[in-house]
Amino acid sequence: METIGSLIDKITIVNLKIWKLEDIKVDSQNEHEVMIATKKASLLNQQRNDLMQEIDELILCLIDGTVVIKNYKQGDMKSYGTGARQ
């Protein structure tokens, strides 16, 4: 199951790709390159919308209790700085 954090990570990566393609569209003098960047940006926008929809659905499931996220306390797993040997 995806977490909200992993979905946000994916959106961040998609946004970086879109921004790169937008730079190509603005800076390129090559029409073919601009056309390819436009098509890729369109697909990535669809992917970003799908990811945002997944986040919305996950939040709704968390609110109504159909999904429960496991919460691990990372401090309990700490093995450094405690004098414990591995």
Protein backbone atom coordinates (compact mmCIF):
# COMPACT_ATOMS: atom_id res chain seq x y z
CA MET A 1 0.00 0.00 0.00
CA GLU A 2 1.17 3.48 -0.85
CA THR A 3 1.57 6.04 1.88
CA ILE A 4 0.84 9.74 1.61
CA GLY A 5 4.59 10.37 1.84
CA SER A 6 5.44 8.00 -1.02
CA LEU A 7 2.73 9.56 -3.19
CA ILE A 8 4.07 13.04 -2.43
CA ASP A 9 7.57 11.82 -3.36
CA LYS A 10 6.21 10.62 -6.70
CA ILE A 11 4.45 13.95 -7.32
CA THR A 12 7.69 15.79 -6.56
CA ILE A 13 9.58 13.71 -9.14
CA VAL A 14 6.84 14.25 -11.74
CA ASN A 15 6.90 18.01 -11.05
CA LEU A 16 10.66 18.15 -11.57
CA LYS A 17 10.28 16.35 -14.91
CA ILE A 18 7.49 18.71 -15.97
CA TRP A 19 9.56 21.78 -15.05
CA LYS A 20 12.49 20.43 -17.09
CA LEU A 21 10.20 19.88 -20.09
CA GLU A 22 8.71 23.37 -19.70
CA ASP A 23 12.24 24.79 -19.85
CA ILE A 24 12.85 22.86 -23.07
CA LYS A 25 9.60 24.22 -24.54
CA VAL A 26 10.60 27.80 -23.73
CA ASP A 27 14.29 27.61 -24.65
CA SER A 28 14.34 25.31 -27.68
CA GLN A 29 14.34 26.58 -31.24
CA ASN A 30 13.68 23.06 -32.57
CA GLU A 31 9.96 22.52 -33.29
CA HIS A 32 10.26 18.74 -33.11
CA GLU A 33 11.92 18.95 -29.69
CA VAL A 34 9.19 21.30 -28.46
CA MET A 35 6.50 18.94 -29.77
CA ILE A 36 8.04 15.95 -27.96
CA ALA A 37 8.42 17.96 -24.73
CA THR A 38 4.78 19.07 -24.99
CA LYS A 39 3.53 15.49 -25.38
CA LYS A 40 5.66 14.27 -22.47
CA ALA A 41 4.52 17.15 -20.26
CA SER A 42 0.90 16.32 -21.05
CA LEU A 43 1.37 12.68 -20.01
CA LEU A 44 3.17 13.74 -16.84
CA ASN A 45 0.34 16.15 -16.00
CA GLN A 46 -2.09 13.24 -16.29
CA GLN A 47 0.14 11.18 -14.01
CA ARG A 48 0.31 14.04 -11.50
CA ASN A 49 -3.48 14.33 -11.50
CA ASP A 50 -3.78 10.56 -10.91
CA LEU A 51 -1.36 10.78 -7.99
CA MET A 52 -3.30 13.66 -6.46
CA GLN A 53 -6.48 11.61 -6.83
CA GLU A 54 -4.78 8.70 -5.04
CA ILE A 55 -3.84 11.01 -2.17
CA ASP A 56 -7.42 12.29 -1.94
CA GLU A 57 -8.78 8.74 -1.89
CA LEU A 58 -6.26 7.62 0.73
CA ILE A 59 -7.12 10.57 2.97
CA LEU A 60 -10.83 9.75 2.68
CA CYS A 61 -10.11 6.10 3.58
CA LEU A 62 -8.05 7.22 6.58
CA ILE A 63 -10.86 9.50 7.72
CA ASP A 64 -13.54 6.82 7.48
CA GLY A 65 -11.28 4.18 9.01
CA THR A 66 -11.17 1.73 6.09
CA VAL A 67 -7.40 2.14 5.96
CA VAL A 68 -5.11 2.27 8.98
CA ILE A 69 -1.50 3.35 8.63
CA LYS A 70 1.04 1.53 10.75
CA ASN A 71 3.12 3.87 12.86
CA TYR A 72 6.59 2.72 13.84
CA LYS A 73 8.48 4.58 16.54
CA GLN A 74 11.95 4.95 15.07
CA GLY A 75 13.45 5.93 18.42
CA ASP A 76 12.71 2.47 19.84
CA MET A 77 14.84 0.92 17.09
CA LYS A 78 17.85 3.14 17.68
CA SER A 79 21.01 1.13 18.30
CA TYR A 80 23.64 3.88 18.17
CA GLY A 81 24.57 6.15 21.02
CA THR A 82 22.99 3.87 23.60
CA GLY A 83 26.03 1.83 24.52
CA ALA A 84 24.47 -1.28 22.93
CA ARG A 85 26.77 -3.39 20.80
CA GLN A 86 25.63 -4.86 17.52
